[in-house]
Protein backbone atom coordinates (compact mmCIF):
# COMPACT_ATOMS: atom_id res chain seq x y z
CA MET A 1 14.38 -15.17 -5.00
CA ASP A 2 18.19 -15.55 -5.28
CA ARG A 3 20.16 -13.78 -2.55
CA LYS A 4 22.37 -11.97 -5.06
CA SER A 5 19.29 -10.93 -7.02
CA LEU A 6 17.85 -9.34 -3.88
CA LEU A 7 20.97 -7.36 -3.04
CA LEU A 8 20.15 -4.31 -5.14
CA LEU A 9 16.53 -4.28 -3.99
CA GLY A 10 17.64 -4.56 -0.36
CA MET A 11 19.96 -1.59 -0.71
CA VAL A 12 17.15 0.52 -2.11
CA LEU A 13 14.51 -0.45 0.44
CA CYS A 14 16.75 0.02 3.49
CA LEU A 15 16.97 3.78 3.08
CA THR A 16 15.53 6.71 4.92
CA ALA A 17 15.67 10.17 3.49
CA ARG A 18 15.09 13.89 3.77
CA SER A 19 11.89 14.51 1.83
CA VAL A 20 11.93 17.56 -0.43
CA TRP A 21 10.01 18.27 -3.57
CA ALA A 22 11.97 17.37 -6.65
CA GLU A 23 11.38 18.81 -10.09
CA GLU A 24 10.35 15.35 -11.28
CA ASP A 25 7.57 13.71 -9.27
CA LEU A 26 8.14 9.96 -9.03
CA SER A 27 4.47 9.32 -8.23
CA SER A 28 3.63 10.31 -11.83
CA TYR A 29 5.13 7.01 -13.06
CA TYR A 30 2.89 4.74 -10.96
CA PRO A 31 -0.59 3.54 -11.98
CA ALA A 32 -3.61 5.29 -10.47
CA GLN A 33 -4.65 2.15 -8.57
CA THR A 34 -1.41 2.12 -6.55
CA ALA A 35 -2.64 1.55 -2.99
CA ILE A 36 0.62 1.96 -1.04
CA TYR A 37 3.19 4.59 -1.95
CA VAL A 38 6.37 5.63 -0.15
CA GLU A 39 8.70 8.38 -1.29
CA LEU A 40 12.17 9.29 -0.08
CA SER A 41 14.17 12.13 -1.63
CA GLU A 42 17.92 12.68 -1.59
CA PRO A 43 18.79 9.51 0.37
CA GLY A 44 22.44 9.85 -0.55
CA GLU A 45 22.73 13.05 1.45
CA LEU A 46 21.04 11.43 4.43
CA ALA A 47 23.23 8.32 4.21
CA ASP A 48 26.35 10.49 4.29
CA ASP A 49 24.90 12.48 7.20
CA LEU A 50 24.07 9.36 9.22
CA ARG A 51 27.56 7.92 8.74
CA SER A 52 29.07 11.04 10.26
CA ARG A 53 26.62 11.40 13.16
CA PRO A 54 27.77 10.33 16.66
CA GLU A 55 24.25 9.03 17.39
CA ALA A 56 24.42 6.53 14.52
CA LYS A 57 27.88 5.37 15.57
CA ALA A 58 26.71 4.91 19.17
CA ILE A 59 23.71 2.85 18.06
CA ALA A 60 25.87 0.63 15.84
CA LYS A 61 28.41 0.14 18.63
CA LYS A 62 25.81 -0.90 21.21
CA LEU A 63 23.93 -3.17 18.81
CA LYS A 64 27.08 -5.10 17.93
CA VAL A 65 27.44 -6.32 21.53
CA VAL A 66 23.86 -7.61 21.73
CA PRO A 67 24.34 -11.41 21.92
CA ALA A 68 21.81 -12.16 19.15
CA VAL A 69 23.44 -9.61 16.85
CA ALA A 70 26.97 -10.72 17.76
CA GLN A 71 26.00 -14.32 17.04
CA ALA A 72 24.52 -13.36 13.67
CA LEU A 73 27.70 -11.48 12.75
CA GLU A 74 29.71 -14.64 13.44
CA SER A 75 27.40 -16.93 11.46
CA GLN A 76 28.37 -18.74 8.26
CA LYS A 77 25.64 -16.97 6.29
CA TYR A 78 26.97 -13.57 7.31
CA ARG A 79 30.52 -14.56 6.35
CA GLU A 80 29.22 -15.63 2.94
CA PHE A 81 27.40 -12.33 2.65
CA GLN A 82 30.59 -10.44 3.52
CA THR A 83 32.48 -12.38 0.87
CA GLY A 84 29.86 -11.51 -1.73
CA MET A 85 29.94 -7.85 -0.71
CA THR A 86 33.73 -7.77 -0.97
CA ILE A 87 33.54 -9.14 -4.53
CA LEU A 88 30.89 -6.59 -5.45
CA GLU A 89 32.84 -3.71 -3.91
CA LEU A 90 35.90 -4.71 -5.94
CA GLY A 91 33.77 -4.61 -9.08
CA TRP A 92 32.18 -1.31 -8.13
CA GLY A 93 35.47 0.23 -7.13
CA LYS A 94 33.92 1.74 -3.99
CA PRO A 95 32.30 0.62 -0.71
CA TRP A 96 28.65 -0.37 -0.50
CA TYR A 97 27.54 2.78 1.31
CA ASP A 98 28.92 4.94 -1.51
CA VAL A 99 27.01 2.74 -3.95
CA ILE A 100 23.77 3.33 -2.03
CA SER A 101 24.49 7.06 -2.02
CA SER A 102 25.08 7.00 -5.78
CA VAL A 103 22.12 4.80 -6.77
CA ALA A 104 19.56 6.68 -4.66
CA HIS A 105 21.19 10.08 -4.74
CA ASN A 106 18.17 11.94 -6.12
CA GLY A 107 15.31 10.02 -4.55
CA VAL A 108 13.65 6.66 -4.04
CA SER A 109 10.00 5.64 -4.32
CA PHE A 110 8.05 2.44 -3.69
CA GLY A 111 4.58 1.64 -4.99
CA PHE A 112 2.36 -1.41 -4.50
CA ASP A 113 -0.52 -2.24 -6.85
CA PRO A 114 -2.79 -4.83 -5.17
CA GLN A 115 -4.72 -5.45 -8.38
CA VAL A 116 -1.69 -7.16 -9.94
CA GLY A 117 0.00 -8.05 -6.65
CA GLY A 118 3.17 -6.25 -7.66
CA PHE A 119 5.50 -3.52 -6.44
CA VAL A 120 7.97 -1.24 -8.17
CA VAL A 121 10.92 0.61 -6.68
CA ILE A 122 12.33 3.59 -8.58
CA ALA A 123 15.69 5.08 -7.62
CA ARG A 124 17.16 8.20 -9.23
CA ALA A 125 20.93 7.87 -9.43
CA HIS A 126 23.64 10.50 -9.38
CA GLU A 127 24.95 9.53 -12.82
CA ASP A 128 23.42 7.36 -15.54
CA ALA A 129 26.72 5.76 -16.57
CA ASP A 130 27.61 4.91 -12.97
CA LEU A 131 24.18 3.32 -12.46
CA HIS A 132 24.61 1.08 -15.54
CA ARG A 133 28.00 -0.04 -14.25
CA ILE A 134 26.68 -0.78 -10.74
CA VAL A 135 23.78 -2.87 -12.06
CA ARG A 136 26.00 -4.69 -14.56
CA THR A 137 28.42 -5.58 -11.75
CA VAL A 138 25.62 -7.15 -9.70
CA VAL A 139 24.37 -9.18 -12.68
CA VAL A 140 27.84 -10.36 -13.71
CA THR A 141 28.73 -11.29 -10.11
CA ALA A 142 25.50 -13.27 -9.75
CA ALA A 143 26.24 -15.12 -13.01
CA ALA A 144 29.79 -15.95 -11.90
CA ASP A 145 28.53 -17.22 -8.54
CA ALA A 146 25.95 -19.42 -10.29
CA ALA A 147 28.59 -20.82 -12.66
CA ARG A 148 30.88 -21.63 -9.74
CA LYS A 149 28.03 -23.56 -8.13
CA LYS A 150 27.16 -25.20 -11.51
CA LYS A 151 23.75 -23.54 -11.56
CA PRO A 152 22.06 -21.65 -14.41
CA ASN A 153 22.52 -17.90 -14.72
CA PRO A 154 19.79 -16.33 -12.54
CA PHE A 155 19.41 -13.33 -14.86
CA LYS A 156 18.20 -13.15 -18.44
CA GLU A 157 19.27 -10.01 -20.32
CA SER A 158 16.95 -8.56 -22.96
CA GLU A 159 15.87 -5.32 -24.64
CA TYR A 160 12.59 -3.51 -24.02
CA ARG A 161 11.92 -0.46 -26.16
CA GLY A 162 15.62 0.25 -26.43
CA MET A 163 16.28 -0.26 -22.71
CA THR A 164 18.41 -3.05 -21.27
CA VAL A 165 16.44 -5.09 -18.76
CA PHE A 166 17.32 -8.08 -16.59
CA GLU A 167 14.81 -10.74 -15.57
CA GLY A 168 15.51 -13.07 -12.67
CA PRO A 169 13.53 -15.38 -10.39
CA GLY A 170 10.75 -13.12 -9.09
CA ILE A 171 12.59 -9.91 -9.95
CA GLY A 172 13.02 -7.55 -12.87
CA ILE A 173 15.59 -4.76 -13.20
CA GLY A 174 15.66 -1.96 -15.74
CA VAL A 175 17.67 1.23 -16.19
CA HIS A 176 16.66 4.34 -18.11
CA ASP A 177 17.93 7.89 -18.03
CA GLY A 178 19.59 7.60 -14.63
CA LYS A 179 16.67 5.76 -13.05
CA LEU A 180 16.78 2.25 -11.64
CA VAL A 181 13.53 0.28 -11.76
CA VAL A 182 13.19 -2.87 -9.63
CA THR A 183 10.00 -4.94 -9.57
CA ASN A 184 8.57 -8.32 -8.61
CA ASN A 185 5.90 -8.10 -11.33
CA LEU A 186 7.07 -7.79 -14.93
CA GLU A 187 3.74 -6.43 -16.15
CA MET A 188 3.80 -3.59 -13.63
CA GLY A 189 7.49 -3.03 -14.28
CA ARG A 190 6.91 -2.63 -18.02
CA SER A 191 4.08 -0.16 -17.39
CA VAL A 192 6.44 1.97 -15.30
CA LEU A 193 9.15 1.79 -17.99
CA ASP A 194 6.52 2.88 -20.52
CA ALA A 195 5.66 5.81 -18.25
CA LEU A 196 9.33 6.78 -18.07
CA LEU A 197 9.39 6.96 -21.87
CA ASP A 198 5.93 8.30 -22.70
CA GLY A 199 4.51 9.73 -19.48
CA ARG A 200 1.27 8.49 -17.91
CA ALA A 201 -2.09 10.23 -18.08
CA ASP A 202 -3.73 7.98 -15.47
CA SER A 203 -0.96 8.17 -12.89
CA LEU A 204 -1.22 8.07 -9.12
CA ARG A 205 -0.11 11.71 -9.08
CA GLU A 206 -3.26 12.76 -10.95
CA GLN A 207 -5.65 10.94 -8.62
CA SER A 208 -7.72 13.46 -6.63
CA ARG A 209 -7.45 11.49 -3.38
CA PHE A 210 -3.67 11.35 -3.67
CA GLN A 211 -3.47 15.07 -4.41
CA GLN A 212 -5.50 15.78 -1.28
CA ALA A 213 -3.12 13.60 0.74
CA LEU A 214 -0.11 15.53 -0.56
CA GLU A 215 -1.40 18.73 1.07
CA SER A 216 -0.37 17.44 4.51
CA ARG A 217 3.19 16.64 3.46
CA HIS A 218 6.04 18.55 5.09
CA ALA A 219 8.81 19.83 2.84
CA ASP A 220 11.55 18.86 5.31
CA GLY A 221 10.42 15.30 6.15
CA LEU A 222 12.63 12.25 6.03
CA ALA A 223 10.00 10.08 4.35
CA TRP A 224 6.36 10.27 3.29
CA SER A 225 3.84 7.50 2.62
CA TYR A 226 0.28 7.10 1.35
CA PHE A 227 -2.19 4.27 2.06
CA ASP A 228 -5.47 3.83 0.15
CA VAL A 229 -7.55 2.69 3.13
CA GLU A 230 -10.82 2.74 1.19
CA TYR A 231 -9.49 0.17 -1.30
CA PHE A 232 -8.34 -2.27 1.39
CA ARG A 233 -11.56 -1.74 3.37
CA SER A 234 -13.72 -2.53 0.31
CA LYS A 235 -11.72 -5.66 -0.51
CA HIS A 236 -11.54 -6.95 3.08
CA PRO A 237 -14.82 -5.88 4.76
CA ASP A 238 -14.71 -8.81 7.19
CA GLU A 239 -11.29 -7.92 8.58
CA ASP A 240 -11.50 -6.91 12.25
CA LEU A 241 -9.50 -3.79 11.44
CA TYR A 242 -12.27 -2.41 9.21
CA LYS A 243 -15.39 -3.64 11.04
CA ASN A 244 -15.48 -0.72 13.50
CA ARG A 245 -15.84 -3.13 16.40
CA ALA A 246 -13.35 -4.02 19.13
CA GLN A 247 -13.10 -7.56 20.46
CA ASP A 248 -13.50 -6.60 24.12
CA PRO A 249 -13.63 -3.59 26.51
CA GLY A 250 -9.83 -3.44 26.69
CA GLY A 251 -9.54 -3.22 22.93
CA GLU A 252 -12.29 -0.59 22.82
CA LEU A 253 -10.52 1.59 25.39
CA ILE A 254 -7.26 1.46 23.44
CA LEU A 255 -8.33 1.32 19.79
CA GLY A 256 -11.97 2.41 19.65
CA GLY A 257 -11.27 5.82 18.12
CA ILE A 258 -8.73 4.47 15.64
CA LEU A 259 -11.26 1.84 14.50
CA SER A 260 -13.79 4.62 13.88
CA ALA A 261 -11.25 6.45 11.73
CA LEU A 262 -10.37 3.34 9.71
CA PHE A 263 -14.07 2.69 9.17
CA GLN A 264 -14.70 6.06 7.51
CA THR A 265 -11.43 7.51 6.20
CA PRO A 266 -10.59 7.23 2.48
CA TYR A 267 -6.83 7.25 3.01
CA ALA A 268 -4.03 7.68 5.54
CA THR A 269 -0.57 9.21 5.31
CA GLY A 270 2.61 8.60 7.26
CA GLU A 271 5.65 10.80 7.66
CA VAL A 272 9.03 10.74 9.38
CA LEU A 273 10.62 14.00 10.55
CA ARG A 274 13.95 14.68 12.21
CA ASP A 275 15.17 17.62 14.23
CA GLY A 276 18.60 17.00 15.72
CA ARG A 277 18.30 14.08 18.15
CA ARG A 278 14.48 14.09 17.91
CA ILE A 279 12.70 11.73 15.50
CA THR A 280 8.96 12.09 14.87
CA LEU A 281 6.76 9.50 13.21
CA GLY A 282 3.24 10.70 12.40
CA PHE A 283 0.15 9.14 10.83
CA ASP A 284 -2.74 11.32 9.63
CA ALA A 285 -6.16 10.48 8.19
CA PRO A 286 -9.22 12.53 7.20
CA PHE A 287 -11.74 12.29 10.02
CA GLU A 288 -14.95 14.22 10.67
CA ARG A 289 -14.72 14.73 14.42
CA ALA A 290 -18.15 16.28 14.92
CA GLY A 291 -19.83 13.43 13.04
CA ILE A 292 -18.61 10.67 15.36
CA GLU A 293 -21.21 7.97 16.02
CA GLU A 294 -22.97 8.05 19.40
CA GLU A 295 -21.49 4.76 20.63
CA ARG A 296 -18.00 6.29 20.30
CA GLU A 297 -18.74 9.48 22.24
CA HIS A 298 -17.12 7.77 25.22
CA PHE A 299 -13.84 7.91 23.28
CA PHE A 300 -13.97 11.39 21.72
CA GLY A 301 -16.56 13.20 23.82
CA PRO A 302 -19.68 15.05 22.61
CA ASP A 303 -19.04 16.49 19.12
CA GLY A 304 -15.55 15.01 19.39
CA ALA A 305 -14.42 17.84 21.67
CA GLY A 306 -13.27 15.75 24.65
CA GLU A 307 -9.69 16.38 25.74
CA ALA A 308 -7.28 14.57 28.03
CA ALA A 309 -5.79 16.36 31.04
CA VAL A 310 -2.25 17.69 31.00
CA PRO A 311 -0.09 14.73 32.12
CA VAL A 312 1.09 15.14 35.69
CA ASN A 313 4.83 14.92 36.29
CA VAL A 314 6.41 13.63 39.51
CA PRO A 315 9.98 12.88 40.62
CA ARG A 316 11.52 9.69 39.15
CA GLN A 317 8.57 9.26 36.77
CA MET A 318 8.92 6.43 34.25
CA LEU A 319 5.53 6.47 32.54
CA GLY A 320 2.69 8.94 32.32
CA LEU A 321 -0.62 8.21 30.60
CA SER A 322 -3.45 10.70 30.18
CA VAL A 323 -6.64 9.85 28.28
CA TYR A 324 -10.17 11.00 27.64
CA ARG A 325 -12.42 7.95 28.15
CA ASP A 326 -15.97 8.10 29.49
CA LEU A 327 -16.04 4.69 31.18
CA SER A 328 -19.65 5.08 32.26
CA GLN A 329 -20.87 5.75 28.73
CA MET A 330 -18.81 2.89 27.31
CA TRP A 331 -20.26 0.48 29.88
CA LEU A 332 -23.83 1.67 29.28
CA ARG A 333 -23.42 1.28 25.51
CA SER A 334 -21.74 -2.12 25.78
CA GLY A 335 -24.64 -3.76 23.96
CA ASP A 336 -23.74 -1.81 20.81
CA LEU A 337 -20.00 -2.26 21.18
CA PHE A 338 -19.27 -5.82 22.31
CA ASP A 339 -20.30 -9.40 21.68
CA GLU A 340 -22.54 -11.50 23.94
CA LYS A 341 -19.64 -13.01 25.89
CA SER A 342 -18.16 -9.62 26.80
CA ASN A 343 -21.58 -8.27 27.77
CA ASN A 344 -22.23 -11.24 30.06
CA GLU A 345 -18.91 -10.62 31.81
CA LEU A 346 -19.71 -6.92 32.21
CA ASN A 347 -23.12 -7.76 33.69
CA LYS A 348 -21.49 -10.04 36.27
CA ALA A 349 -18.98 -7.33 37.16
CA GLU A 350 -21.80 -4.79 37.44
CA THR A 351 -23.60 -6.93 40.00
CA GLY A 352 -20.54 -7.50 42.19
CA LEU A 353 -19.23 -3.94 42.08
CA SER A 354 -22.64 -2.41 42.72
CA THR A 355 -22.83 -4.48 45.91
CA LEU A 356 -19.58 -2.90 47.15
CA PHE A 357 -21.10 0.55 46.64
CA SER A 358 -24.22 -0.13 48.72
CA GLY A 359 -26.36 -1.14 45.77
CA ARG A 360 -25.60 1.92 43.67
CA SER A 361 -25.25 1.19 39.95
CA PHE A 362 -21.52 0.91 39.32
CA SER A 363 -21.70 1.72 35.61
CA GLU A 364 -24.16 4.60 35.85
CA GLU A 365 -23.76 6.16 39.30
CA VAL A 366 -20.22 5.29 40.43
CA LEU A 367 -18.38 5.62 37.11
CA GLY A 368 -20.81 8.36 36.13
CA SER A 369 -19.57 10.43 39.07
CA LEU A 370 -16.09 10.56 37.53
CA SER A 371 -14.82 12.77 34.74
CA PRO A 372 -13.63 11.09 31.50
CA ARG A 373 -10.17 12.58 32.14
CA ILE A 374 -8.11 9.70 33.56
CA GLN A 375 -4.38 9.38 34.22
CA LEU A 376 -1.92 6.63 35.08
CA VAL A 377 1.51 7.29 36.57
CA VAL A 378 4.43 4.88 37.09
CA ALA A 379 7.56 5.99 38.97
CA ARG A 380 10.75 4.52 40.41
CA GLN A 381 10.71 4.23 44.19
CA GLU A 382 13.09 5.32 46.91
CA TYR A 383 12.99 3.20 50.07
CA ALA A 384 13.31 4.03 53.74
CA GLU A 385 16.27 2.54 55.60
CA GLY A 386 15.51 -0.99 56.78
CA HIS A 387 12.58 -1.37 54.37
CA THR A 388 14.36 -2.26 51.14
CA PRO A 389 12.93 -5.20 49.14
CA ALA A 390 15.14 -7.68 47.33
CA LEU A 391 13.10 -7.16 44.15
CA LYS A 392 12.42 -3.48 43.52
CA LEU A 393 9.18 -2.67 41.71
CA PRO A 394 7.99 0.69 40.42
CA ALA A 395 5.15 2.51 42.14
CA PHE A 396 1.99 3.17 40.16
CA ALA A 397 -1.12 5.27 40.58
CA LEU A 398 -4.48 5.91 38.94
CA ILE A 399 -5.84 9.47 38.88
CA ALA A 400 -9.53 10.20 38.39
CA GLU A 401 -11.37 13.51 38.55
CA MET A 402 -14.57 13.60 40.59
CA LYS A 403 -17.44 15.66 39.21
CA ASP A 404 -18.81 16.39 42.71
CA PRO A 405 -16.10 15.68 45.35
CA LYS A 406 -18.31 16.61 48.31
CA LYS A 407 -20.87 14.04 47.26
CA THR A 408 -18.64 11.13 46.22
CA LYS A 409 -15.39 11.40 48.20
CA ARG A 410 -16.84 9.78 51.33
CA ASP A 411 -18.02 6.66 49.45
CA PHE A 412 -14.68 6.13 47.72
CA ARG A 413 -12.75 6.60 50.97
CA ARG A 414 -15.01 4.17 52.86
CA ASN A 415 -14.66 1.49 50.20
CA PHE A 416 -10.87 1.88 50.21
CA VAL A 417 -10.77 1.37 53.99
CA ASN A 418 -13.07 -1.66 53.64
CA ALA A 419 -10.78 -3.11 50.96
CA ILE A 420 -7.75 -2.82 53.27
CA GLY A 421 -9.67 -4.62 56.00
CA PHE A 422 -10.61 -7.40 53.58
CA PHE A 423 -6.98 -7.83 52.50
CA ASN A 424 -5.88 -8.04 56.14
CA ILE A 425 -8.40 -10.80 56.87
CA ALA A 426 -7.54 -12.73 53.71
CA GLY A 427 -3.81 -12.22 54.21
CA ALA A 428 -3.87 -13.38 57.82
CA THR A 429 -4.84 -16.90 56.72
CA LYS A 430 -1.77 -17.00 54.46
CA GLY A 431 0.72 -15.42 56.83
CA ALA A 432 0.95 -12.20 54.83
CA PRO A 433 2.03 -9.00 56.61
CA GLN A 434 -0.82 -6.96 58.04
CA LEU A 435 -1.51 -3.44 56.78
CA GLU A 436 -1.86 -0.55 59.22
CA LEU A 437 -4.09 2.35 58.23
CA ASP A 438 -2.97 5.93 58.65
CA PHE A 439 -4.97 9.11 58.06
CA SER A 440 -3.15 12.36 57.37
CA GLY A 441 -3.62 15.59 55.52
CA ALA A 442 -2.18 18.91 54.52
CA GLU A 443 -3.52 22.07 52.96
CA GLY A 444 -5.65 21.03 49.99
CA MET A 445 -4.82 17.34 50.40
CA GLU A 446 -6.19 14.34 52.29
CA LEU A 447 -4.36 10.99 52.48
CA VAL A 448 -5.41 7.52 53.59
CA SER A 449 -2.52 5.04 53.49
CA ALA A 450 -1.87 1.46 54.57
CA SER A 451 1.66 0.29 55.35
CA PRO A 452 2.94 -3.21 56.19
CA ILE A 453 3.47 -3.62 59.92
CA VAL A 454 7.16 -4.28 60.57
CA GLU A 455 8.14 -5.37 64.07
CA VAL A 456 11.23 -3.76 65.58
CA ASP A 457 13.11 -7.07 65.68
CA GLU A 458 12.34 -7.62 61.96
CA GLN A 459 14.09 -4.45 60.82
CA THR A 460 17.36 -5.26 59.11
CA ASP A 461 19.75 -3.93 56.53
CA GLU A 462 19.25 -7.13 54.50
CA PRO A 463 16.84 -6.89 51.52
CA GLY A 464 13.32 -7.84 52.54
CA GLY A 465 10.17 -9.25 50.96
CA ILE A 466 8.26 -7.93 47.99
CA HIS A 467 5.65 -6.36 50.30
CA TYR A 468 8.10 -3.54 51.03
CA ASN A 469 7.20 -2.23 47.55
CA PHE A 470 3.65 -1.42 48.63
CA SER A 471 1.82 0.96 50.92
CA PRO A 472 -1.62 1.18 49.25
CA SER A 473 -2.97 4.70 49.46
CA MET A 474 -5.84 6.94 48.44
CA ALA A 475 -5.39 10.69 48.27
CA PHE A 476 -7.77 13.54 47.51
CA ALA A 477 -6.65 16.92 46.19
CA ASP A 478 -9.41 19.27 45.05
CA SER A 479 -11.37 17.21 42.51
CA TRP A 480 -8.63 14.61 42.08
CA MET A 481 -8.87 11.12 43.53
CA ILE A 482 -5.54 9.29 43.53
CA ILE A 483 -5.30 5.54 44.09
CA ALA A 484 -1.63 4.60 44.43
CA SER A 485 0.51 1.61 45.30
CA THR A 486 2.58 3.75 47.69
CA SER A 487 1.87 6.70 49.95
CA GLN A 488 4.91 8.56 48.60
CA LEU A 489 3.62 8.50 45.03
CA ALA A 490 0.14 9.55 46.16
CA GLN A 491 1.64 12.55 47.97
CA ASP A 492 3.88 13.44 45.02
CA ILE A 493 0.92 13.45 42.63
CA ALA A 494 -1.27 15.46 45.00
CA THR A 495 1.51 18.02 45.31
CA ALA A 496 2.12 18.24 41.57
CA HIS A 497 -1.48 18.15 40.39
CA THR A 498 -2.81 20.64 37.90
CA GLN A 499 -5.94 20.89 35.83
CA GLU A 500 -4.80 23.45 33.30
CA VAL A 501 -5.42 22.70 29.64
CA ALA A 502 -2.23 22.15 27.67
CA GLU A 503 -0.91 25.24 25.93
CA GLY A 504 -1.27 24.88 22.17
CA THR A 505 -4.42 22.76 22.28
CA SER A 506 -7.16 24.92 23.81
CA ARG A 507 -5.96 27.86 21.71
CA THR A 508 -6.34 25.85 18.50
CA GLN A 509 -8.86 23.34 17.23
CA GLU A 510 -6.61 20.40 18.07
CA ARG A 511 -7.77 18.13 20.89
CA THR A 512 -5.39 15.69 22.55
CA ASN A 513 -7.29 12.47 23.19
CA THR A 514 -4.48 10.24 24.46
CA VAL A 515 -0.89 10.92 25.44
CA ILE A 516 1.71 8.47 26.75
CA GLU A 517 5.09 9.73 27.98
CA LEU A 518 7.99 7.39 28.70
CA SER A 519 11.25 8.45 30.38
CA LEU A 520 13.94 5.84 29.88
CA ASP A 521 16.47 7.00 32.49
CA PRO A 522 14.43 5.85 35.55
CA VAL A 523 13.51 2.66 33.67
CA ILE A 524 17.18 1.86 33.17
CA GLN A 525 17.90 2.73 36.81
CA ILE A 526 15.31 0.30 38.17
CA LEU A 527 16.57 -2.42 35.82
CA GLN A 528 20.11 -1.81 37.05
CA GLU A 529 18.88 -2.06 40.65
CA ASN A 530 17.41 -5.46 39.78
CA ARG A 531 20.39 -6.57 37.67
CA ASP A 532 21.25 -9.60 39.82
CA HIS A 533 17.65 -10.81 39.74
CA LEU A 534 17.47 -10.36 35.95
CA ILE A 535 20.71 -12.29 35.51
CA SER A 536 19.40 -15.16 37.65
CA GLN A 537 16.15 -15.29 35.66
CA ASN A 538 18.10 -15.30 32.40
CA MET A 539 20.24 -18.21 33.59
CA LEU A 540 17.15 -20.21 34.58
CA LYS A 541 15.06 -19.53 31.47
CA GLU A 542 17.77 -19.52 28.80
CA GLY A 543 20.18 -22.01 30.37
CA HIS A 544 23.03 -19.50 30.09
CA THR A 545 26.16 -19.34 32.18
CA ARG A 546 26.46 -16.31 34.44
CA GLU A 547 28.86 -14.67 31.99
CA GLU A 548 26.42 -15.18 29.11
CA ALA A 549 23.50 -13.92 31.19
CA GLU A 550 25.47 -10.82 32.24
CA ALA A 551 26.25 -10.10 28.58
CA ASP A 552 22.55 -10.44 27.68
CA ILE A 553 21.33 -8.13 30.44
CA ASP A 554 24.09 -5.54 30.08
CA SER A 555 23.57 -5.33 26.31
CA MET A 556 19.84 -4.84 26.87
CA LEU A 557 20.57 -2.01 29.30
CA GLY A 558 23.04 -0.50 26.84
CA VAL A 559 20.52 -0.41 24.00
CA GLY A 560 17.90 1.09 26.32
CA GLN A 561 20.28 3.92 27.16
CA LEU A 562 20.20 5.11 23.54
CA VAL A 563 16.75 6.65 24.05
CA GLU A 564 16.09 9.43 26.55
CA HIS A 565 12.37 10.07 26.16
CA GLY A 566 9.40 8.96 24.08
CA GLU A 567 5.88 10.28 23.60
CA LEU A 568 2.89 8.74 21.81
CA LYS A 569 -0.06 11.05 21.20
CA LEU A 570 -3.47 10.62 19.59
CA SER A 571 -5.18 13.90 18.69
CA THR A 572 -7.90 15.26 16.44
CA THR A 573 -8.83 18.40 14.59
CA PRO A 574 -12.30 18.98 13.11
CA GLU A 575 -11.19 17.21 9.91
CA THR A 576 -8.23 15.01 10.87
CA ILE A 577 -7.11 12.31 13.29
CA ARG A 578 -3.38 12.06 14.03
CA LEU A 579 -1.22 9.47 15.78
CA GLN A 580 2.28 10.74 16.56
CA LEU A 581 5.34 9.08 18.08
CA VAL A 582 8.23 11.30 19.20
CA ILE A 583 11.58 9.79 20.22
CA ASP A 584 14.42 11.79 21.79
CA LEU A 585 17.79 10.07 21.53
CA HIS A 586 20.40 10.43 24.25
CA ARG A 587 23.36 12.61 23.50
CA PRO A 588 26.27 10.25 22.66
CA GLU A 589 28.92 9.93 25.34
């Protein structure tokens, strides 16, 4: 498709919007078999709002110094694009962003019909006369550019039921009553133009499934979308996404519940919301929680009522993960979940791990002694004087809840001590530092830690080896068992632990299955602490000079500083499954 022909389509598709119900529903113009639908209302208002927001200006400023972006802005293609835009803006009599605001002032929609392989974009303009002039300018400019290059005019102008339409390579454009119609399929485009003139009895808007999906739509959203999952599932039954089967245990732990939803849900919706500096992206799908198949009880719990623990929070925390996953049940049902190769690997692991636990079945007795509520914590470290590594790594810890601490704590502690002894023996043959065990405790807490032995004459202010990042530890606090890479993190978690159910979940029918929290400030801090190492790696891998490498790394850090916090959450209600991403932007400096 010609670049000039795509310009108008690109302007329409690159919008986000505040979604409000308009008097005229754009979905009523699309055929009932439309399988993907996206609607944005009043984009012009949002475009004007974004241009005035400090957050948008800060993002644009930081992105411009990213080497890849800066290089693209200096490229010949971009200069040609700028020239074309300048010509168009002269013809329009206003800048491109005002054109976008005018063309899409009262809403934009996108619909894809897989039966004809076509899409249609409808934009409601501020004024009909202005829209005709904007489209005519694009067509005339494209014709002039083709003539200058001694090529045929890319657009053919014709009439369709009294409307002026333009046909180009792989694109059709029509204007009627203040509405711009852009399509890649002329048949679908004509059907939409017919609907604009005559209405449509068999529209997407009248489809019962679509009407049910509309009930979850927020009036103040930025954008709303609809996906006919049942159609794609029926047409592509052999796709891994719709087979309700993960490739391996790792995939099952991460995606098992989502695969169950895709296997049974008729549709899914997506929505973007904004509240100040917070942006929320949510996906919802009908899902009968209580009817979950037995082999997926490890993911959702009996009757789908399993719930992850409240994520623990410690000083300098970078990442927190809390999930509900019954590892024992997943392992025991592996024959129903995985292929022969994965099951053979699990059987080998079962044999070896059971040996470590004195012949007890690892899948049934060891994992079965733990609650399905599991957490992972990653945090930036602070180092003692004389024990600072050259490469600073974050500390990490796994948190498991024991069903019967009095019965199982001794076995876990003994195996941890045995593991440290094994590492010392194996490390001695390679000259690795030895680990010294230490047993300590406080009220409600017990700690077993292992620290690298540092001789007095080895202590120095110079950065040391990577082993200074580790002091493997196991802590016990009530029913919690904490396995951490450092004793400090183990103590921090034991101090901060709580087993209260999150407010707003136990009081409603919503159950949080998975939650991931990411704090960007400590991430940026640890990257800044390792800046010299990152620069050296960039020089080696990319062949950059030091100045180029510094620009690469500093621009990466600058972009990362735009976001303050992020959260990804998977939750269910008795009739719905929801995946939600929340992003909090930093306040601009």
